[in-house]
Amino acid sequence: HQSELKMVQIGDHFIAVSQAISHE
């Protein structure tokens, strides 16, 4: 979870495989 928090800070663009994941 801590790694994911950092991922959303450094990435330029994100792909979610479902609307459910996009929401989360």
PDBML (XML) file of the C-alpha atoms, coordinates in Angstrom:
<?xml version="1.0" encoding="UTF-8" ?>
<PDBx:datablock datablockName="MODEL"
   xmlns:PDBx="http://pdbml.pdb.org/schema/pdbx-v50.xsd"
   xmlns:xsi="http://www.w3.org/2001/XMLSchema-instance"
   xsi:schemaLocation="http://pdbml.pdb.org/schema/pdbx-v50.xsd pdbx-v50.xsd">
   <PDBx:atom_siteCategory>
      <PDBx:atom_site id="1">
         <PDBx:B_iso_or_equiv>0.00</PDBx:B_iso_or_equiv>
         <PDBx:Cartn_x>0.000</PDBx:Cartn_x>
         <PDBx:Cartn_y>0.000</PDBx:Cartn_y>
         <PDBx:Cartn_z>0.000</PDBx:Cartn_z>
         <PDBx:auth_asym_id>A</PDBx:auth_asym_id>
         <PDBx:auth_atom_id>CA</PDBx:auth_atom_id>
         <PDBx:auth_comp_id>HIS</PDBx:auth_comp_id>
         <PDBx:auth_seq_id>1</PDBx:auth_seq_id>
         <PDBx:group_PDB>ATOM</PDBx:group_PDB>
         <PDBx:label_alt_id xsi:nil="true" />
         <PDBx:label_asym_id>A</PDBx:label_asym_id>
         <PDBx:label_atom_id>CA</PDBx:label_atom_id>
         <PDBx:label_comp_id>HIS</PDBx:label_comp_id>
         <PDBx:label_entity_id>1</PDBx:label_entity_id>
         <PDBx:label_seq_id>1</PDBx:label_seq_id>
         <PDBx:occupancy>1.00</PDBx:occupancy>
         <PDBx:pdbx_PDB_model_num>1</PDBx:pdbx_PDB_model_num>
         <PDBx:type_symbol>C</PDBx:type_symbol>
      </PDBx:atom_site>
      <PDBx:atom_site id="2">
         <PDBx:B_iso_or_equiv>0.00</PDBx:B_iso_or_equiv>
         <PDBx:Cartn_x>2.802</PDBx:Cartn_x>
         <PDBx:Cartn_y>2.426</PDBx:Cartn_y>
         <PDBx:Cartn_z>0.850</PDBx:Cartn_z>
         <PDBx:auth_asym_id>A</PDBx:auth_asym_id>
         <PDBx:auth_atom_id>CA</PDBx:auth_atom_id>
         <PDBx:auth_comp_id>GLN</PDBx:auth_comp_id>
         <PDBx:auth_seq_id>2</PDBx:auth_seq_id>
         <PDBx:group_PDB>ATOM</PDBx:group_PDB>
         <PDBx:label_alt_id xsi:nil="true" />
         <PDBx:label_asym_id>A</PDBx:label_asym_id>
         <PDBx:label_atom_id>CA</PDBx:label_atom_id>
         <PDBx:label_comp_id>GLN</PDBx:label_comp_id>
         <PDBx:label_entity_id>1</PDBx:label_entity_id>
         <PDBx:label_seq_id>2</PDBx:label_seq_id>
         <PDBx:occupancy>1.00</PDBx:occupancy>
         <PDBx:pdbx_PDB_model_num>1</PDBx:pdbx_PDB_model_num>
         <PDBx:type_symbol>C</PDBx:type_symbol>
      </PDBx:atom_site>
      <PDBx:atom_site id="3">
         <PDBx:B_iso_or_equiv>0.00</PDBx:B_iso_or_equiv>
         <PDBx:Cartn_x>4.443</PDBx:Cartn_x>
         <PDBx:Cartn_y>1.678</PDBx:Cartn_y>
         <PDBx:Cartn_z>-2.477</PDBx:Cartn_z>
         <PDBx:auth_asym_id>A</PDBx:auth_asym_id>
         <PDBx:auth_atom_id>CA</PDBx:auth_atom_id>
         <PDBx:auth_comp_id>SER</PDBx:auth_comp_id>
         <PDBx:auth_seq_id>3</PDBx:auth_seq_id>
         <PDBx:group_PDB>ATOM</PDBx:group_PDB>
         <PDBx:label_alt_id xsi:nil="true" />
         <PDBx:label_asym_id>A</PDBx:label_asym_id>
         <PDBx:label_atom_id>CA</PDBx:label_atom_id>
         <PDBx:label_comp_id>SER</PDBx:label_comp_id>
         <PDBx:label_entity_id>1</PDBx:label_entity_id>
         <PDBx:label_seq_id>3</PDBx:label_seq_id>
         <PDBx:occupancy>1.00</PDBx:occupancy>
         <PDBx:pdbx_PDB_model_num>1</PDBx:pdbx_PDB_model_num>
         <PDBx:type_symbol>C</PDBx:type_symbol>
      </PDBx:atom_site>
      <PDBx:atom_site id="4">
         <PDBx:B_iso_or_equiv>0.00</PDBx:B_iso_or_equiv>
         <PDBx:Cartn_x>1.178</PDBx:Cartn_x>
         <PDBx:Cartn_y>2.369</PDBx:Cartn_y>
         <PDBx:Cartn_z>-4.317</PDBx:Cartn_z>
         <PDBx:auth_asym_id>A</PDBx:auth_asym_id>
         <PDBx:auth_atom_id>CA</PDBx:auth_atom_id>
         <PDBx:auth_comp_id>GLU</PDBx:auth_comp_id>
         <PDBx:auth_seq_id>4</PDBx:auth_seq_id>
         <PDBx:group_PDB>ATOM</PDBx:group_PDB>
         <PDBx:label_alt_id xsi:nil="true" />
         <PDBx:label_asym_id>A</PDBx:label_asym_id>
         <PDBx:label_atom_id>CA</PDBx:label_atom_id>
         <PDBx:label_comp_id>GLU</PDBx:label_comp_id>
         <PDBx:label_entity_id>1</PDBx:label_entity_id>
         <PDBx:label_seq_id>4</PDBx:label_seq_id>
         <PDBx:occupancy>1.00</PDBx:occupancy>
         <PDBx:pdbx_PDB_model_num>1</PDBx:pdbx_PDB_model_num>
         <PDBx:type_symbol>C</PDBx:type_symbol>
      </PDBx:atom_site>
      <PDBx:atom_site id="5">
         <PDBx:B_iso_or_equiv>0.00</PDBx:B_iso_or_equiv>
         <PDBx:Cartn_x>0.862</PDBx:Cartn_x>
         <PDBx:Cartn_y>5.720</PDBx:Cartn_y>
         <PDBx:Cartn_z>-2.542</PDBx:Cartn_z>
         <PDBx:auth_asym_id>A</PDBx:auth_asym_id>
         <PDBx:auth_atom_id>CA</PDBx:auth_atom_id>
         <PDBx:auth_comp_id>LEU</PDBx:auth_comp_id>
         <PDBx:auth_seq_id>5</PDBx:auth_seq_id>
         <PDBx:group_PDB>ATOM</PDBx:group_PDB>
         <PDBx:label_alt_id xsi:nil="true" />
         <PDBx:label_asym_id>A</PDBx:label_asym_id>
         <PDBx:label_atom_id>CA</PDBx:label_atom_id>
         <PDBx:label_comp_id>LEU</PDBx:label_comp_id>
         <PDBx:label_entity_id>1</PDBx:label_entity_id>
         <PDBx:label_seq_id>5</PDBx:label_seq_id>
         <PDBx:occupancy>1.00</PDBx:occupancy>
         <PDBx:pdbx_PDB_model_num>1</PDBx:pdbx_PDB_model_num>
         <PDBx:type_symbol>C</PDBx:type_symbol>
      </PDBx:atom_site>
      <PDBx:atom_site id="6">
         <PDBx:B_iso_or_equiv>0.00</PDBx:B_iso_or_equiv>
         <PDBx:Cartn_x>4.237</PDBx:Cartn_x>
         <PDBx:Cartn_y>6.633</PDBx:Cartn_y>
         <PDBx:Cartn_z>-3.989</PDBx:Cartn_z>
         <PDBx:auth_asym_id>A</PDBx:auth_asym_id>
         <PDBx:auth_atom_id>CA</PDBx:auth_atom_id>
         <PDBx:auth_comp_id>LYS</PDBx:auth_comp_id>
         <PDBx:auth_seq_id>6</PDBx:auth_seq_id>
         <PDBx:group_PDB>ATOM</PDBx:group_PDB>
         <PDBx:label_alt_id xsi:nil="true" />
         <PDBx:label_asym_id>A</PDBx:label_asym_id>
         <PDBx:label_atom_id>CA</PDBx:label_atom_id>
         <PDBx:label_comp_id>LYS</PDBx:label_comp_id>
         <PDBx:label_entity_id>1</PDBx:label_entity_id>
         <PDBx:label_seq_id>6</PDBx:label_seq_id>
         <PDBx:occupancy>1.00</PDBx:occupancy>
         <PDBx:pdbx_PDB_model_num>1</PDBx:pdbx_PDB_model_num>
         <PDBx:type_symbol>C</PDBx:type_symbol>
      </PDBx:atom_site>
      <PDBx:atom_site id="7">
         <PDBx:B_iso_or_equiv>0.00</PDBx:B_iso_or_equiv>
         <PDBx:Cartn_x>3.337</PDBx:Cartn_x>
         <PDBx:Cartn_y>5.271</PDBx:Cartn_y>
         <PDBx:Cartn_z>-7.429</PDBx:Cartn_z>
         <PDBx:auth_asym_id>A</PDBx:auth_asym_id>
         <PDBx:auth_atom_id>CA</PDBx:auth_atom_id>
         <PDBx:auth_comp_id>MET</PDBx:auth_comp_id>
         <PDBx:auth_seq_id>7</PDBx:auth_seq_id>
         <PDBx:group_PDB>ATOM</PDBx:group_PDB>
         <PDBx:label_alt_id xsi:nil="true" />
         <PDBx:label_asym_id>A</PDBx:label_asym_id>
         <PDBx:label_atom_id>CA</PDBx:label_atom_id>
         <PDBx:label_comp_id>MET</PDBx:label_comp_id>
         <PDBx:label_entity_id>1</PDBx:label_entity_id>
         <PDBx:label_seq_id>7</PDBx:label_seq_id>
         <PDBx:occupancy>1.00</PDBx:occupancy>
         <PDBx:pdbx_PDB_model_num>1</PDBx:pdbx_PDB_model_num>
         <PDBx:type_symbol>C</PDBx:type_symbol>
      </PDBx:atom_site>
      <PDBx:atom_site id="8">
         <PDBx:B_iso_or_equiv>0.00</PDBx:B_iso_or_equiv>
         <PDBx:Cartn_x>0.445</PDBx:Cartn_x>
         <PDBx:Cartn_y>7.689</PDBx:Cartn_y>
         <PDBx:Cartn_z>-7.811</PDBx:Cartn_z>
         <PDBx:auth_asym_id>A</PDBx:auth_asym_id>
         <PDBx:auth_atom_id>CA</PDBx:auth_atom_id>
         <PDBx:auth_comp_id>VAL</PDBx:auth_comp_id>
         <PDBx:auth_seq_id>8</PDBx:auth_seq_id>
         <PDBx:group_PDB>ATOM</PDBx:group_PDB>
         <PDBx:label_alt_id xsi:nil="true" />
         <PDBx:label_asym_id>A</PDBx:label_asym_id>
         <PDBx:label_atom_id>CA</PDBx:label_atom_id>
         <PDBx:label_comp_id>VAL</PDBx:label_comp_id>
         <PDBx:label_entity_id>1</PDBx:label_entity_id>
         <PDBx:label_seq_id>8</PDBx:label_seq_id>
         <PDBx:occupancy>1.00</PDBx:occupancy>
         <PDBx:pdbx_PDB_model_num>1</PDBx:pdbx_PDB_model_num>
         <PDBx:type_symbol>C</PDBx:type_symbol>
      </PDBx:atom_site>
      <PDBx:atom_site id="9">
         <PDBx:B_iso_or_equiv>0.00</PDBx:B_iso_or_equiv>
         <PDBx:Cartn_x>2.796</PDBx:Cartn_x>
         <PDBx:Cartn_y>10.575</PDBx:Cartn_y>
         <PDBx:Cartn_z>-7.051</PDBx:Cartn_z>
         <PDBx:auth_asym_id>A</PDBx:auth_asym_id>
         <PDBx:auth_atom_id>CA</PDBx:auth_atom_id>
         <PDBx:auth_comp_id>GLN</PDBx:auth_comp_id>
         <PDBx:auth_seq_id>9</PDBx:auth_seq_id>
         <PDBx:group_PDB>ATOM</PDBx:group_PDB>
         <PDBx:label_alt_id xsi:nil="true" />
         <PDBx:label_asym_id>A</PDBx:label_asym_id>
         <PDBx:label_atom_id>CA</PDBx:label_atom_id>
         <PDBx:label_comp_id>GLN</PDBx:label_comp_id>
         <PDBx:label_entity_id>1</PDBx:label_entity_id>
         <PDBx:label_seq_id>9</PDBx:label_seq_id>
         <PDBx:occupancy>1.00</PDBx:occupancy>
         <PDBx:pdbx_PDB_model_num>1</PDBx:pdbx_PDB_model_num>
         <PDBx:type_symbol>C</PDBx:type_symbol>
      </PDBx:atom_site>
      <PDBx:atom_site id="10">
         <PDBx:B_iso_or_equiv>0.00</PDBx:B_iso_or_equiv>
         <PDBx:Cartn_x>5.536</PDBx:Cartn_x>
         <PDBx:Cartn_y>9.760</PDBx:Cartn_y>
         <PDBx:Cartn_z>-9.570</PDBx:Cartn_z>
         <PDBx:auth_asym_id>A</PDBx:auth_asym_id>
         <PDBx:auth_atom_id>CA</PDBx:auth_atom_id>
         <PDBx:auth_comp_id>ILE</PDBx:auth_comp_id>
         <PDBx:auth_seq_id>10</PDBx:auth_seq_id>
         <PDBx:group_PDB>ATOM</PDBx:group_PDB>
         <PDBx:label_alt_id xsi:nil="true" />
         <PDBx:label_asym_id>A</PDBx:label_asym_id>
         <PDBx:label_atom_id>CA</PDBx:label_atom_id>
         <PDBx:label_comp_id>ILE</PDBx:label_comp_id>
         <PDBx:label_entity_id>1</PDBx:label_entity_id>
         <PDBx:label_seq_id>10</PDBx:label_seq_id>
         <PDBx:occupancy>1.00</PDBx:occupancy>
         <PDBx:pdbx_PDB_model_num>1</PDBx:pdbx_PDB_model_num>
         <PDBx:type_symbol>C</PDBx:type_symbol>
      </PDBx:atom_site>
      <PDBx:atom_site id="11">
         <PDBx:B_iso_or_equiv>0.00</PDBx:B_iso_or_equiv>
         <PDBx:Cartn_x>3.593</PDBx:Cartn_x>
         <PDBx:Cartn_y>8.347</PDBx:Cartn_y>
         <PDBx:Cartn_z>-12.531</PDBx:Cartn_z>
         <PDBx:auth_asym_id>A</PDBx:auth_asym_id>
         <PDBx:auth_atom_id>CA</PDBx:auth_atom_id>
         <PDBx:auth_comp_id>GLY</PDBx:auth_comp_id>
         <PDBx:auth_seq_id>11</PDBx:auth_seq_id>
         <PDBx:group_PDB>ATOM</PDBx:group_PDB>
         <PDBx:label_alt_id xsi:nil="true" />
         <PDBx:label_asym_id>A</PDBx:label_asym_id>
         <PDBx:label_atom_id>CA</PDBx:label_atom_id>
         <PDBx:label_comp_id>GLY</PDBx:label_comp_id>
         <PDBx:label_entity_id>1</PDBx:label_entity_id>
         <PDBx:label_seq_id>11</PDBx:label_seq_id>
         <PDBx:occupancy>1.00</PDBx:occupancy>
         <PDBx:pdbx_PDB_model_num>1</PDBx:pdbx_PDB_model_num>
         <PDBx:type_symbol>C</PDBx:type_symbol>
      </PDBx:atom_site>
      <PDBx:atom_site id="12">
         <PDBx:B_iso_or_equiv>0.00</PDBx:B_iso_or_equiv>
         <PDBx:Cartn_x>2.530</PDBx:Cartn_x>
         <PDBx:Cartn_y>10.465</PDBx:Cartn_y>
         <PDBx:Cartn_z>-15.495</PDBx:Cartn_z>
         <PDBx:auth_asym_id>A</PDBx:auth_asym_id>
         <PDBx:auth_atom_id>CA</PDBx:auth_atom_id>
         <PDBx:auth_comp_id>ASP</PDBx:auth_comp_id>
         <PDBx:auth_seq_id>12</PDBx:auth_seq_id>
         <PDBx:group_PDB>ATOM</PDBx:group_PDB>
         <PDBx:label_alt_id xsi:nil="true" />
         <PDBx:label_asym_id>A</PDBx:label_asym_id>
         <PDBx:label_atom_id>CA</PDBx:label_atom_id>
         <PDBx:label_comp_id>ASP</PDBx:label_comp_id>
         <PDBx:label_entity_id>1</PDBx:label_entity_id>
         <PDBx:label_seq_id>12</PDBx:label_seq_id>
         <PDBx:occupancy>1.00</PDBx:occupancy>
         <PDBx:pdbx_PDB_model_num>1</PDBx:pdbx_PDB_model_num>
         <PDBx:type_symbol>C</PDBx:type_symbol>
      </PDBx:atom_site>
      <PDBx:atom_site id="13">
         <PDBx:B_iso_or_equiv>0.00</PDBx:B_iso_or_equiv>
         <PDBx:Cartn_x>-0.598</PDBx:Cartn_x>
         <PDBx:Cartn_y>8.535</PDBx:Cartn_y>
         <PDBx:Cartn_z>-16.438</PDBx:Cartn_z>
         <PDBx:auth_asym_id>A</PDBx:auth_asym_id>
         <PDBx:auth_atom_id>CA</PDBx:auth_atom_id>
         <PDBx:auth_comp_id>HIS</PDBx:auth_comp_id>
         <PDBx:auth_seq_id>13</PDBx:auth_seq_id>
         <PDBx:group_PDB>ATOM</PDBx:group_PDB>
         <PDBx:label_alt_id xsi:nil="true" />
         <PDBx:label_asym_id>A</PDBx:label_asym_id>
         <PDBx:label_atom_id>CA</PDBx:label_atom_id>
         <PDBx:label_comp_id>HIS</PDBx:label_comp_id>
         <PDBx:label_entity_id>1</PDBx:label_entity_id>
         <PDBx:label_seq_id>13</PDBx:label_seq_id>
         <PDBx:occupancy>1.00</PDBx:occupancy>
         <PDBx:pdbx_PDB_model_num>1</PDBx:pdbx_PDB_model_num>
         <PDBx:type_symbol>C</PDBx:type_symbol>
      </PDBx:atom_site>
      <PDBx:atom_site id="14">
         <PDBx:B_iso_or_equiv>0.00</PDBx:B_iso_or_equiv>
         <PDBx:Cartn_x>-2.448</PDBx:Cartn_x>
         <PDBx:Cartn_y>5.601</PDBx:Cartn_y>
         <PDBx:Cartn_z>-14.877</PDBx:Cartn_z>
         <PDBx:auth_asym_id>A</PDBx:auth_asym_id>
         <PDBx:auth_atom_id>CA</PDBx:auth_atom_id>
         <PDBx:auth_comp_id>PHE</PDBx:auth_comp_id>
         <PDBx:auth_seq_id>14</PDBx:auth_seq_id>
         <PDBx:group_PDB>ATOM</PDBx:group_PDB>
         <PDBx:label_alt_id xsi:nil="true" />
         <PDBx:label_asym_id>A</PDBx:label_asym_id>
         <PDBx:label_atom_id>CA</PDBx:label_atom_id>
         <PDBx:label_comp_id>PHE</PDBx:label_comp_id>
         <PDBx:label_entity_id>1</PDBx:label_entity_id>
         <PDBx:label_seq_id>14</PDBx:label_seq_id>
         <PDBx:occupancy>1.00</PDBx:occupancy>
         <PDBx:pdbx_PDB_model_num>1</PDBx:pdbx_PDB_model_num>
         <PDBx:type_symbol>C</PDBx:type_symbol>
      </PDBx:atom_site>
      <PDBx:atom_site id="15">
         <PDBx:B_iso_or_equiv>0.00</PDBx:B_iso_or_equiv>
         <PDBx:Cartn_x>-4.429</PDBx:Cartn_x>
         <PDBx:Cartn_y>2.776</PDBx:Cartn_y>
         <PDBx:Cartn_z>-16.397</PDBx:Cartn_z>
         <PDBx:auth_asym_id>A</PDBx:auth_asym_id>
         <PDBx:auth_atom_id>CA</PDBx:auth_atom_id>
         <PDBx:auth_comp_id>ILE</PDBx:auth_comp_id>
         <PDBx:auth_seq_id>15</PDBx:auth_seq_id>
         <PDBx:group_PDB>ATOM</PDBx:group_PDB>
         <PDBx:label_alt_id xsi:nil="true" />
         <PDBx:label_asym_id>A</PDBx:label_asym_id>
         <PDBx:label_atom_id>CA</PDBx:label_atom_id>
         <PDBx:label_comp_id>ILE</PDBx:label_comp_id>
         <PDBx:label_entity_id>1</PDBx:label_entity_id>
         <PDBx:label_seq_id>15</PDBx:label_seq_id>
         <PDBx:occupancy>1.00</PDBx:occupancy>
         <PDBx:pdbx_PDB_model_num>1</PDBx:pdbx_PDB_model_num>
         <PDBx:type_symbol>C</PDBx:type_symbol>
      </PDBx:atom_site>
      <PDBx:atom_site id="16">
         <PDBx:B_iso_or_equiv>0.00</PDBx:B_iso_or_equiv>
         <PDBx:Cartn_x>-7.046</PDBx:Cartn_x>
         <PDBx:Cartn_y>0.948</PDBx:Cartn_y>
         <PDBx:Cartn_z>-14.335</PDBx:Cartn_z>
         <PDBx:auth_asym_id>A</PDBx:auth_asym_id>
         <PDBx:auth_atom_id>CA</PDBx:auth_atom_id>
         <PDBx:auth_comp_id>ALA</PDBx:auth_comp_id>
         <PDBx:auth_seq_id>16</PDBx:auth_seq_id>
         <PDBx:group_PDB>ATOM</PDBx:group_PDB>
         <PDBx:label_alt_id xsi:nil="true" />
         <PDBx:label_asym_id>A</PDBx:label_asym_id>
         <PDBx:label_atom_id>CA</PDBx:label_atom_id>
         <PDBx:label_comp_id>ALA</PDBx:label_comp_id>
         <PDBx:label_entity_id>1</PDBx:label_entity_id>
         <PDBx:label_seq_id>16</PDBx:label_seq_id>
         <PDBx:occupancy>1.00</PDBx:occupancy>
         <PDBx:pdbx_PDB_model_num>1</PDBx:pdbx_PDB_model_num>
         <PDBx:type_symbol>C</PDBx:type_symbol>
      </PDBx:atom_site>
      <PDBx:atom_site id="17">
         <PDBx:B_iso_or_equiv>0.00</PDBx:B_iso_or_equiv>
         <PDBx:Cartn_x>-8.279</PDBx:Cartn_x>
         <PDBx:Cartn_y>-2.441</PDBx:Cartn_y>
         <PDBx:Cartn_z>-15.541</PDBx:Cartn_z>
         <PDBx:auth_asym_id>A</PDBx:auth_asym_id>
         <PDBx:auth_atom_id>CA</PDBx:auth_atom_id>
         <PDBx:auth_comp_id>VAL</PDBx:auth_comp_id>
         <PDBx:auth_seq_id>17</PDBx:auth_seq_id>
         <PDBx:group_PDB>ATOM</PDBx:group_PDB>
         <PDBx:label_alt_id xsi:nil="true" />
         <PDBx:label_asym_id>A</PDBx:label_asym_id>
         <PDBx:label_atom_id>CA</PDBx:label_atom_id>
         <PDBx:label_comp_id>VAL</PDBx:label_comp_id>
         <PDBx:label_entity_id>1</PDBx:label_entity_id>
         <PDBx:label_seq_id>17</PDBx:label_seq_id>
         <PDBx:occupancy>1.00</PDBx:occupancy>
         <PDBx:pdbx_PDB_model_num>1</PDBx:pdbx_PDB_model_num>
         <PDBx:type_symbol>C</PDBx:type_symbol>
      </PDBx:atom_site>
      <PDBx:atom_site id="18">
         <PDBx:B_iso_or_equiv>0.00</PDBx:B_iso_or_equiv>
         <PDBx:Cartn_x>-11.831</PDBx:Cartn_x>
         <PDBx:Cartn_y>-1.739</PDBx:Cartn_y>
         <PDBx:Cartn_z>-14.344</PDBx:Cartn_z>
         <PDBx:auth_asym_id>A</PDBx:auth_asym_id>
         <PDBx:auth_atom_id>CA</PDBx:auth_atom_id>
         <PDBx:auth_comp_id>SER</PDBx:auth_comp_id>
         <PDBx:auth_seq_id>18</PDBx:auth_seq_id>
         <PDBx:group_PDB>ATOM</PDBx:group_PDB>
         <PDBx:label_alt_id xsi:nil="true" />
         <PDBx:label_asym_id>A</PDBx:label_asym_id>
         <PDBx:label_atom_id>CA</PDBx:label_atom_id>
         <PDBx:label_comp_id>SER</PDBx:label_comp_id>
         <PDBx:label_entity_id>1</PDBx:label_entity_id>
         <PDBx:label_seq_id>18</PDBx:label_seq_id>
         <PDBx:occupancy>1.00</PDBx:occupancy>
         <PDBx:pdbx_PDB_model_num>1</PDBx:pdbx_PDB_model_num>
         <PDBx:type_symbol>C</PDBx:type_symbol>
      </PDBx:atom_site>
      <PDBx:atom_site id="19">
         <PDBx:B_iso_or_equiv>0.00</PDBx:B_iso_or_equiv>
         <PDBx:Cartn_x>-14.075</PDBx:Cartn_x>
         <PDBx:Cartn_y>1.073</PDBx:Cartn_y>
         <PDBx:Cartn_z>-13.208</PDBx:Cartn_z>
         <PDBx:auth_asym_id>A</PDBx:auth_asym_id>
         <PDBx:auth_atom_id>CA</PDBx:auth_atom_id>
         <PDBx:auth_comp_id>GLN</PDBx:auth_comp_id>
         <PDBx:auth_seq_id>19</PDBx:auth_seq_id>
         <PDBx:group_PDB>ATOM</PDBx:group_PDB>
         <PDBx:label_alt_id xsi:nil="true" />
         <PDBx:label_asym_id>A</PDBx:label_asym_id>
         <PDBx:label_atom_id>CA</PDBx:label_atom_id>
         <PDBx:label_comp_id>GLN</PDBx:label_comp_id>
         <PDBx:label_entity_id>1</PDBx:label_entity_id>
         <PDBx:label_seq_id>19</PDBx:label_seq_id>
         <PDBx:occupancy>1.00</PDBx:occupancy>
         <PDBx:pdbx_PDB_model_num>1</PDBx:pdbx_PDB_model_num>
         <PDBx:type_symbol>C</PDBx:type_symbol>
      </PDBx:atom_site>
      <PDBx:atom_site id="20">
         <PDBx:B_iso_or_equiv>0.00</PDBx:B_iso_or_equiv>
         <PDBx:Cartn_x>-13.915</PDBx:Cartn_x>
         <PDBx:Cartn_y>-0.463</PDBx:Cartn_y>
         <PDBx:Cartn_z>-9.726</PDBx:Cartn_z>
         <PDBx:auth_asym_id>A</PDBx:auth_asym_id>
         <PDBx:auth_atom_id>CA</PDBx:auth_atom_id>
         <PDBx:auth_comp_id>ALA</PDBx:auth_comp_id>
         <PDBx:auth_seq_id>20</PDBx:auth_seq_id>
         <PDBx:group_PDB>ATOM</PDBx:group_PDB>
         <PDBx:label_alt_id xsi:nil="true" />
         <PDBx:label_asym_id>A</PDBx:label_asym_id>
         <PDBx:label_atom_id>CA</PDBx:label_atom_id>
         <PDBx:label_comp_id>ALA</PDBx:label_comp_id>
         <PDBx:label_entity_id>1</PDBx:label_entity_id>
         <PDBx:label_seq_id>20</PDBx:label_seq_id>
         <PDBx:occupancy>1.00</PDBx:occupancy>
         <PDBx:pdbx_PDB_model_num>1</PDBx:pdbx_PDB_model_num>
         <PDBx:type_symbol>C</PDBx:type_symbol>
      </PDBx:atom_site>
      <PDBx:atom_site id="21">
         <PDBx:B_iso_or_equiv>0.00</PDBx:B_iso_or_equiv>
         <PDBx:Cartn_x>-10.140</PDBx:Cartn_x>
         <PDBx:Cartn_y>-0.039</PDBx:Cartn_y>
         <PDBx:Cartn_z>-9.604</PDBx:Cartn_z>
         <PDBx:auth_asym_id>A</PDBx:auth_asym_id>
         <PDBx:auth_atom_id>CA</PDBx:auth_atom_id>
         <PDBx:auth_comp_id>ILE</PDBx:auth_comp_id>
         <PDBx:auth_seq_id>21</PDBx:auth_seq_id>
         <PDBx:group_PDB>ATOM</PDBx:group_PDB>
         <PDBx:label_alt_id xsi:nil="true" />
         <PDBx:label_asym_id>A</PDBx:label_asym_id>
         <PDBx:label_atom_id>CA</PDBx:label_atom_id>
         <PDBx:label_comp_id>ILE</PDBx:label_comp_id>
         <PDBx:label_entity_id>1</PDBx:label_entity_id>
         <PDBx:label_seq_id>21</PDBx:label_seq_id>
         <PDBx:occupancy>1.00</PDBx:occupancy>
         <PDBx:pdbx_PDB_model_num>1</PDBx:pdbx_PDB_model_num>
         <PDBx:type_symbol>C</PDBx:type_symbol>
      </PDBx:atom_site>
      <PDBx:atom_site id="22">
         <PDBx:B_iso_or_equiv>0.00</PDBx:B_iso_or_equiv>
         <PDBx:Cartn_x>-10.383</PDBx:Cartn_x>
         <PDBx:Cartn_y>3.476</PDBx:Cartn_y>
         <PDBx:Cartn_z>-11.035</PDBx:Cartn_z>
         <PDBx:auth_asym_id>A</PDBx:auth_asym_id>
         <PDBx:auth_atom_id>CA</PDBx:auth_atom_id>
         <PDBx:auth_comp_id>SER</PDBx:auth_comp_id>
         <PDBx:auth_seq_id>22</PDBx:auth_seq_id>
         <PDBx:group_PDB>ATOM</PDBx:group_PDB>
         <PDBx:label_alt_id xsi:nil="true" />
         <PDBx:label_asym_id>A</PDBx:label_asym_id>
         <PDBx:label_atom_id>CA</PDBx:label_atom_id>
         <PDBx:label_comp_id>SER</PDBx:label_comp_id>
         <PDBx:label_entity_id>1</PDBx:label_entity_id>
         <PDBx:label_seq_id>22</PDBx:label_seq_id>
         <PDBx:occupancy>1.00</PDBx:occupancy>
         <PDBx:pdbx_PDB_model_num>1</PDBx:pdbx_PDB_model_num>
         <PDBx:type_symbol>C</PDBx:type_symbol>
      </PDBx:atom_site>
      <PDBx:atom_site id="23">
         <PDBx:B_iso_or_equiv>0.00</PDBx:B_iso_or_equiv>
         <PDBx:Cartn_x>-12.783</PDBx:Cartn_x>
         <PDBx:Cartn_y>4.377</PDBx:Cartn_y>
         <PDBx:Cartn_z>-8.230</PDBx:Cartn_z>
         <PDBx:auth_asym_id>A</PDBx:auth_asym_id>
         <PDBx:auth_atom_id>CA</PDBx:auth_atom_id>
         <PDBx:auth_comp_id>HIS</PDBx:auth_comp_id>
         <PDBx:auth_seq_id>23</PDBx:auth_seq_id>
         <PDBx:group_PDB>ATOM</PDBx:group_PDB>
         <PDBx:label_alt_id xsi:nil="true" />
         <PDBx:label_asym_id>A</PDBx:label_asym_id>
         <PDBx:label_atom_id>CA</PDBx:label_atom_id>
         <PDBx:label_comp_id>HIS</PDBx:label_comp_id>
         <PDBx:label_entity_id>1</PDBx:label_entity_id>
         <PDBx:label_seq_id>23</PDBx:label_seq_id>
         <PDBx:occupancy>1.00</PDBx:occupancy>
         <PDBx:pdbx_PDB_model_num>1</PDBx:pdbx_PDB_model_num>
         <PDBx:type_symbol>C</PDBx:type_symbol>
      </PDBx:atom_site>
      <PDBx:atom_site id="24">
         <PDBx:B_iso_or_equiv>0.00</PDBx:B_iso_or_equiv>
         <PDBx:Cartn_x>-10.448</PDBx:Cartn_x>
         <PDBx:Cartn_y>2.988</PDBx:Cartn_y>
         <PDBx:Cartn_z>-5.582</PDBx:Cartn_z>
         <PDBx:auth_asym_id>A</PDBx:auth_asym_id>
         <PDBx:auth_atom_id>CA</PDBx:auth_atom_id>
         <PDBx:auth_comp_id>GLU</PDBx:auth_comp_id>
         <PDBx:auth_seq_id>24</PDBx:auth_seq_id>
         <PDBx:group_PDB>ATOM</PDBx:group_PDB>
         <PDBx:label_alt_id xsi:nil="true" />
         <PDBx:label_asym_id>A</PDBx:label_asym_id>
         <PDBx:label_atom_id>CA</PDBx:label_atom_id>
         <PDBx:label_comp_id>GLU</PDBx:label_comp_id>
         <PDBx:label_entity_id>1</PDBx:label_entity_id>
         <PDBx:label_seq_id>24</PDBx:label_seq_id>
         <PDBx:occupancy>1.00</PDBx:occupancy>
         <PDBx:pdbx_PDB_model_num>1</PDBx:pdbx_PDB_model_num>
         <PDBx:type_symbol>C</PDBx:type_symbol>
      </PDBx:atom_site>
   </PDBx:atom_siteCategory>
</PDBx:datablock>
